[in-house]
Amino acid sequence: MRRIGVISDTHGTFDKPLRDFLKDVDEIWHAGDVGSLELADEIAAFKPLKAVYGNIDGGVTRRVLSEFNCFECEGKKVLITHIGGYPRHYAPQAIARIQQLKPDIFVAGHSHILKVIYDPVYNLLHINPGAAGTYGFHKVRTAIRFTIDGADIRDMEIGEWQRILK
């Protein structure tokens, strides 16, 4: 059994509200737009991190993180990318990977809009955790945590924090 925290679009922010929400997870999955390699290292020092780069991440971050990350967690195949779309509206590069790798869970960011959708076409759970950072058009910062326990994905919770406009 593993407790998972899912974040995206931190844009350089990993503050107390996020740390408090993620303190009891076993690992964090980050769907891109981390903000810097230093922030990725800070998150990884807090909890084990699986991450991808996003469109705002620079050259150093892109050399260390990849565009796609595919791995297994508790017997579930997971695919993470930043610009991936969502069921029936996947980005072309994402749909090619979904068809090739057949993940059970597909995590994407970029939209700054939290979505959790079961996709019956590809038999996967699509997760977009929204935006956890303070930069962007979103008014509410969001993150997700849940449990993977064998075949079960359960106990999904959403964290929400008002974004203070600067």
C-alpha atoms as a PDB file:
ATOM      1  CA  MET A   1       0.000   0.000   0.000  1.00  0.00           C
ATOM      2  CA  ARG A   2       1.301   3.449  -0.948  1.00  0.00           C
ATOM      3  CA  ARG A   3      -0.014   6.939  -0.283  1.00  0.00           C
ATOM      4  CA  ILE A   4       0.588   9.156  -3.304  1.00  0.00           C
ATOM      5  CA  GLY A   5       0.631  12.944  -3.591  1.00  0.00           C
ATOM      6  CA  VAL A   6       0.113  14.439  -7.045  1.00  0.00           C
ATOM      7  CA  ILE A   7       1.041  18.019  -7.938  1.00  0.00           C
ATOM      8  CA  SER A   8       1.686  20.040 -11.055  1.00  0.00           C
ATOM      9  CA  ASP A   9       2.455  23.577 -12.133  1.00  0.00           C
ATOM     10  CA  THR A  10       4.242  24.571  -8.948  1.00  0.00           C
ATOM     11  CA  HIS A  11       6.145  27.235 -10.922  1.00  0.00           C
ATOM     12  CA  GLY A  12       8.767  27.463  -8.180  1.00  0.00           C
ATOM     13  CA  THR A  13       6.449  27.130  -5.154  1.00  0.00           C
ATOM     14  CA  PHE A  14       6.615  24.375  -2.538  1.00  0.00           C
ATOM     15  CA  ASP A  15       5.365  26.112   0.587  1.00  0.00           C
ATOM     16  CA  LYS A  16       3.839  25.206   3.964  1.00  0.00           C
ATOM     17  CA  PRO A  17       0.288  24.476   2.704  1.00  0.00           C
ATOM     18  CA  LEU A  18       1.655  21.957   0.167  1.00  0.00           C
ATOM     19  CA  ARG A  19       4.074  20.439   2.662  1.00  0.00           C
ATOM     20  CA  ASP A  20       1.313  20.054   5.245  1.00  0.00           C
ATOM     21  CA  PHE A  21      -1.028  18.416   2.711  1.00  0.00           C
ATOM     22  CA  LEU A  22       1.696  16.037   1.474  1.00  0.00           C
ATOM     23  CA  LYS A  23       3.403  15.252   4.793  1.00  0.00           C
ATOM     24  CA  ASP A  24       1.819  11.797   5.144  1.00  0.00           C
ATOM     25  CA  VAL A  25       2.298  10.552   1.568  1.00  0.00           C
ATOM     26  CA  ASP A  26       4.947   7.994   0.649  1.00  0.00           C
ATOM     27  CA  GLU A  27       5.906   9.643  -2.637  1.00  0.00           C
ATOM     28  CA  ILE A  28       5.076  12.653  -4.794  1.00  0.00           C
ATOM     29  CA  TRP A  29       4.307  12.622  -8.516  1.00  0.00           C
ATOM     30  CA  HIS A  30       4.889  15.979 -10.229  1.00  0.00           C
ATOM     31  CA  ALA A  31       3.346  16.539 -13.674  1.00  0.00           C
ATOM     32  CA  GLY A  32       5.659  19.316 -14.809  1.00  0.00           C
ATOM     33  CA  ASP A  33       6.270  23.053 -14.682  1.00  0.00           C
ATOM     34  CA  VAL A  34       8.326  22.480 -11.565  1.00  0.00           C
ATOM     35  CA  GLY A  35      10.012  25.861 -11.841  1.00  0.00           C
ATOM     36  CA  SER A  36      13.632  24.846 -11.329  1.00  0.00           C
ATOM     37  CA  LEU A  37      15.862  21.872 -10.733  1.00  0.00           C
ATOM     38  CA  GLU A  38      16.550  23.268  -7.251  1.00  0.00           C
ATOM     39  CA  LEU A  39      12.836  23.048  -6.436  1.00  0.00           C
ATOM     40  CA  ALA A  40      12.699  19.476  -7.768  1.00  0.00           C
ATOM     41  CA  ASP A  41      15.615  18.664  -5.444  1.00  0.00           C
ATOM     42  CA  GLU A  42      13.815  20.346  -2.522  1.00  0.00           C
ATOM     43  CA  ILE A  43      10.668  18.288  -3.139  1.00  0.00           C
ATOM     44  CA  ALA A  44      12.758  15.110  -3.523  1.00  0.00           C
ATOM     45  CA  ALA A  45      14.437  15.828  -0.176  1.00  0.00           C
ATOM     46  CA  PHE A  46      10.956  16.104   1.392  1.00  0.00           C
ATOM     47  CA  LYS A  47       9.528  12.881  -0.162  1.00  0.00           C
ATOM     48  CA  PRO A  48      10.622  10.534  -2.963  1.00  0.00           C
ATOM     49  CA  LEU A  49       9.767  12.259  -6.256  1.00  0.00           C
ATOM     50  CA  LYS A  50       8.720  11.068  -9.698  1.00  0.00           C
ATOM     51  CA  ALA A  51       8.584  14.083 -12.023  1.00  0.00           C
ATOM     52  CA  VAL A  52       8.609  15.319 -15.604  1.00  0.00           C
ATOM     53  CA  TYR A  53       9.537  18.693 -17.047  1.00  0.00           C
ATOM     54  CA  GLY A  54       6.938  21.152 -18.283  1.00  0.00           C
ATOM     55  CA  ASN A  55       6.891  23.878 -20.894  1.00  0.00           C
ATOM     56  CA  ILE A  56       8.247  26.546 -18.498  1.00  0.00           C
ATOM     57  CA  ASP A  57      11.120  24.396 -17.252  1.00  0.00           C
ATOM     58  CA  GLY A  58      14.509  25.388 -18.601  1.00  0.00           C
ATOM     59  CA  GLY A  59      17.443  23.539 -20.117  1.00  0.00           C
ATOM     60  CA  VAL A  60      19.026  22.178 -16.930  1.00  0.00           C
ATOM     61  CA  THR A  61      15.693  20.816 -15.676  1.00  0.00           C
ATOM     62  CA  ARG A  62      14.996  19.282 -19.103  1.00  0.00           C
ATOM     63  CA  ARG A  63      18.368  17.537 -19.059  1.00  0.00           C
ATOM     64  CA  VAL A  64      17.594  15.882 -15.713  1.00  0.00           C
ATOM     65  CA  LEU A  65      13.840  15.251 -16.008  1.00  0.00           C
ATOM     66  CA  SER A  66      12.176  13.727 -19.059  1.00  0.00           C
ATOM     67  CA  GLU A  67       9.022  14.611 -20.997  1.00  0.00           C
ATOM     68  CA  PHE A  68       7.387  11.290 -20.036  1.00  0.00           C
ATOM     69  CA  ASN A  69       7.903   9.115 -16.984  1.00  0.00           C
ATOM     70  CA  CYS A  70       6.490   5.581 -16.962  1.00  0.00           C
ATOM     71  CA  PHE A  71       6.836   3.345 -13.902  1.00  0.00           C
ATOM     72  CA  GLU A  72       4.957   0.840 -11.736  1.00  0.00           C
ATOM     73  CA  CYS A  73       3.511   1.558  -8.317  1.00  0.00           C
ATOM     74  CA  GLU A  74       1.859  -1.248  -6.351  1.00  0.00           C
ATOM     75  CA  GLY A  75       1.324  -3.183  -9.568  1.00  0.00           C
ATOM     76  CA  LYS A  76      -0.284  -0.240 -11.383  1.00  0.00           C
ATOM     77  CA  LYS A  77       1.433   1.121 -14.496  1.00  0.00           C
ATOM     78  CA  VAL A  78       1.680   4.923 -14.291  1.00  0.00           C
ATOM     79  CA  LEU A  79       2.440   7.377 -17.104  1.00  0.00           C
ATOM     80  CA  ILE A  80       3.157  11.033 -16.334  1.00  0.00           C
ATOM     81  CA  THR A  81       3.665  13.966 -18.704  1.00  0.00           C
ATOM     82  CA  HIS A  82       2.982  17.686 -18.607  1.00  0.00           C
ATOM     83  CA  ILE A  83       1.004  18.465 -21.761  1.00  0.00           C
ATOM     84  CA  GLY A  84      -1.147  15.376 -22.079  1.00  0.00           C
ATOM     85  CA  GLY A  85      -4.733  16.496 -22.433  1.00  0.00           C
ATOM     86  CA  TYR A  86      -7.595  14.425 -21.069  1.00  0.00           C
ATOM     87  CA  PRO A  87      -9.931  11.636 -22.242  1.00  0.00           C
ATOM     88  CA  ARG A  88     -11.112  12.140 -25.821  1.00  0.00           C
ATOM     89  CA  HIS A  89      -8.840  15.209 -26.016  1.00  0.00           C
ATOM     90  CA  TYR A  90      -5.348  13.781 -25.525  1.00  0.00           C
ATOM     91  CA  ALA A  91      -2.325  15.497 -27.046  1.00  0.00           C
ATOM     92  CA  PRO A  92      -0.977  13.494 -30.031  1.00  0.00           C
ATOM     93  CA  GLN A  93       2.328  12.631 -28.310  1.00  0.00           C
ATOM     94  CA  ALA A  94       0.424  11.497 -25.196  1.00  0.00           C
ATOM     95  CA  ILE A  95      -2.048   9.301 -27.056  1.00  0.00           C
ATOM     96  CA  ALA A  96       0.821   7.534 -28.820  1.00  0.00           C
ATOM     97  CA  ARG A  97       2.411   6.714 -25.435  1.00  0.00           C
ATOM     98  CA  ILE A  98      -0.932   5.672 -23.927  1.00  0.00           C
ATOM     99  CA  GLN A  99      -1.547   3.277 -26.811  1.00  0.00           C
ATOM    100  CA  GLN A 100       1.993   1.894 -26.598  1.00  0.00           C
ATOM    101  CA  LEU A 101       2.382   1.606 -22.808  1.00  0.00           C
ATOM    102  CA  LYS A 102      -1.245   0.968 -21.732  1.00  0.00           C
ATOM    103  CA  PRO A 103      -1.044   2.683 -18.313  1.00  0.00           C
ATOM    104  CA  ASP A 104      -3.571   2.151 -15.534  1.00  0.00           C
ATOM    105  CA  ILE A 105      -3.068   5.755 -14.378  1.00  0.00           C
ATOM    106  CA  PHE A 106      -2.279   8.709 -16.657  1.00  0.00           C
ATOM    107  CA  VAL A 107      -1.198  11.953 -14.968  1.00  0.00           C
ATOM    108  CA  ALA A 108      -0.925  15.260 -16.832  1.00  0.00           C
ATOM    109  CA  GLY A 109      -0.754  18.904 -15.805  1.00  0.00           C
ATOM    110  CA  HIS A 110      -0.540  22.133 -17.816  1.00  0.00           C
ATOM    111  CA  SER A 111      -4.211  23.182 -17.830  1.00  0.00           C
ATOM    112  CA  HIS A 112      -4.229  24.451 -14.214  1.00  0.00           C
ATOM    113  CA  ILE A 113      -7.655  22.742 -13.992  1.00  0.00           C
ATOM    114  CA  LEU A 114      -8.096  19.805 -11.616  1.00  0.00           C
ATOM    115  CA  LYS A 115      -9.733  16.798 -13.294  1.00  0.00           C
ATOM    116  CA  VAL A 116     -10.079  13.149 -12.333  1.00  0.00           C
ATOM    117  CA  ILE A 117     -11.761  11.134 -15.085  1.00  0.00           C
ATOM    118  CA  TYR A 118     -12.060   7.431 -15.780  1.00  0.00           C
ATOM    119  CA  ASP A 119     -11.329   6.775 -19.463  1.00  0.00           C
ATOM    120  CA  PRO A 120     -13.262   3.675 -20.623  1.00  0.00           C
ATOM    121  CA  VAL A 121     -11.637   3.794 -24.082  1.00  0.00           C
ATOM    122  CA  TYR A 122      -8.140   3.162 -22.694  1.00  0.00           C
ATOM    123  CA  ASN A 123      -9.240   1.684 -19.354  1.00  0.00           C
ATOM    124  CA  LEU A 124      -7.236   4.170 -17.299  1.00  0.00           C
ATOM    125  CA  LEU A 125      -7.710   6.749 -14.585  1.00  0.00           C
ATOM    126  CA  HIS A 126      -6.765  10.220 -15.811  1.00  0.00           C
ATOM    127  CA  ILE A 127      -5.555  12.629 -13.116  1.00  0.00           C
ATOM    128  CA  ASN A 128      -4.753  16.310 -13.543  1.00  0.00           C
ATOM    129  CA  PRO A 129      -4.032  17.797 -10.109  1.00  0.00           C
ATOM    130  CA  GLY A 130      -4.559  21.372 -11.287  1.00  0.00           C
ATOM    131  CA  ALA A 131      -1.972  23.982 -10.296  1.00  0.00           C
ATOM    132  CA  ALA A 132      -0.219  23.949  -6.929  1.00  0.00           C
ATOM    133  CA  GLY A 133       1.776  27.120  -7.516  1.00  0.00           C
ATOM    134  CA  THR A 134       1.044  30.810  -7.212  1.00  0.00           C
ATOM    135  CA  TYR A 135       1.635  31.723 -10.868  1.00  0.00           C
ATOM    136  CA  GLY A 136      -1.071  31.445 -13.538  1.00  0.00           C
ATOM    137  CA  PHE A 137      -4.723  32.232 -14.174  1.00  0.00           C
ATOM    138  CA  HIS A 138      -6.135  29.874 -11.530  1.00  0.00           C
ATOM    139  CA  LYS A 139      -7.703  31.381  -8.424  1.00  0.00           C
ATOM    140  CA  VAL A 140      -7.461  28.234  -6.298  1.00  0.00           C
ATOM    141  CA  ARG A 141      -4.297  26.185  -5.827  1.00  0.00           C
ATOM    142  CA  THR A 142      -4.909  22.427  -5.838  1.00  0.00           C
ATOM    143  CA  ALA A 143      -3.218  19.077  -5.204  1.00  0.00           C
ATOM    144  CA  ILE A 144      -4.392  15.482  -4.880  1.00  0.00           C
ATOM    145  CA  ARG A 145      -3.506  12.586  -2.609  1.00  0.00           C
ATOM    146  CA  PHE A 146      -4.759   9.008  -2.679  1.00  0.00           C
ATOM    147  CA  THR A 147      -3.918   5.422  -1.806  1.00  0.00           C
ATOM    148  CA  ILE A 148      -2.943   2.599  -4.132  1.00  0.00           C
ATOM    149  CA  ASP A 149      -3.541  -0.713  -2.404  1.00  0.00           C
ATOM    150  CA  GLY A 150      -3.163  -3.629  -4.782  1.00  0.00           C
ATOM    151  CA  ALA A 151      -5.936  -3.327  -7.355  1.00  0.00           C
ATOM    152  CA  ASP A 152      -7.635  -0.528  -5.393  1.00  0.00           C
ATOM    153  CA  ILE A 153      -7.163   3.185  -5.954  1.00  0.00           C
ATOM    154  CA  ARG A 154      -8.990   4.803  -3.054  1.00  0.00           C
ATOM    155  CA  ASP A 155      -9.187   7.533  -0.438  1.00  0.00           C
ATOM    156  CA  MET A 156      -8.710  10.302  -3.007  1.00  0.00           C
ATOM    157  CA  GLU A 157      -8.573  13.748  -1.419  1.00  0.00           C
ATOM    158  CA  ILE A 158      -8.244  17.212  -2.910  1.00  0.00           C
ATOM    159  CA  GLY A 159      -6.304  20.002  -1.242  1.00  0.00           C
ATOM    160  CA  GLU A 160      -7.402  23.533  -2.072  1.00  0.00           C
ATOM    161  CA  TRP A 161      -5.855  26.869  -1.072  1.00  0.00           C
ATOM    162  CA  GLN A 162      -6.798  30.370  -2.136  1.00  0.00           C
ATOM    163  CA  ARG A 163      -4.167  31.833  -4.375  1.00  0.00           C
ATOM    164  CA  ILE A 164      -3.029  35.195  -3.124  1.00  0.00           C
ATOM    165  CA  LEU A 165      -2.751  37.476  -6.146  1.00  0.00           C
ATOM    166  CA  LYS A 166       0.466  39.458  -6.252  1.00  0.00           C
END
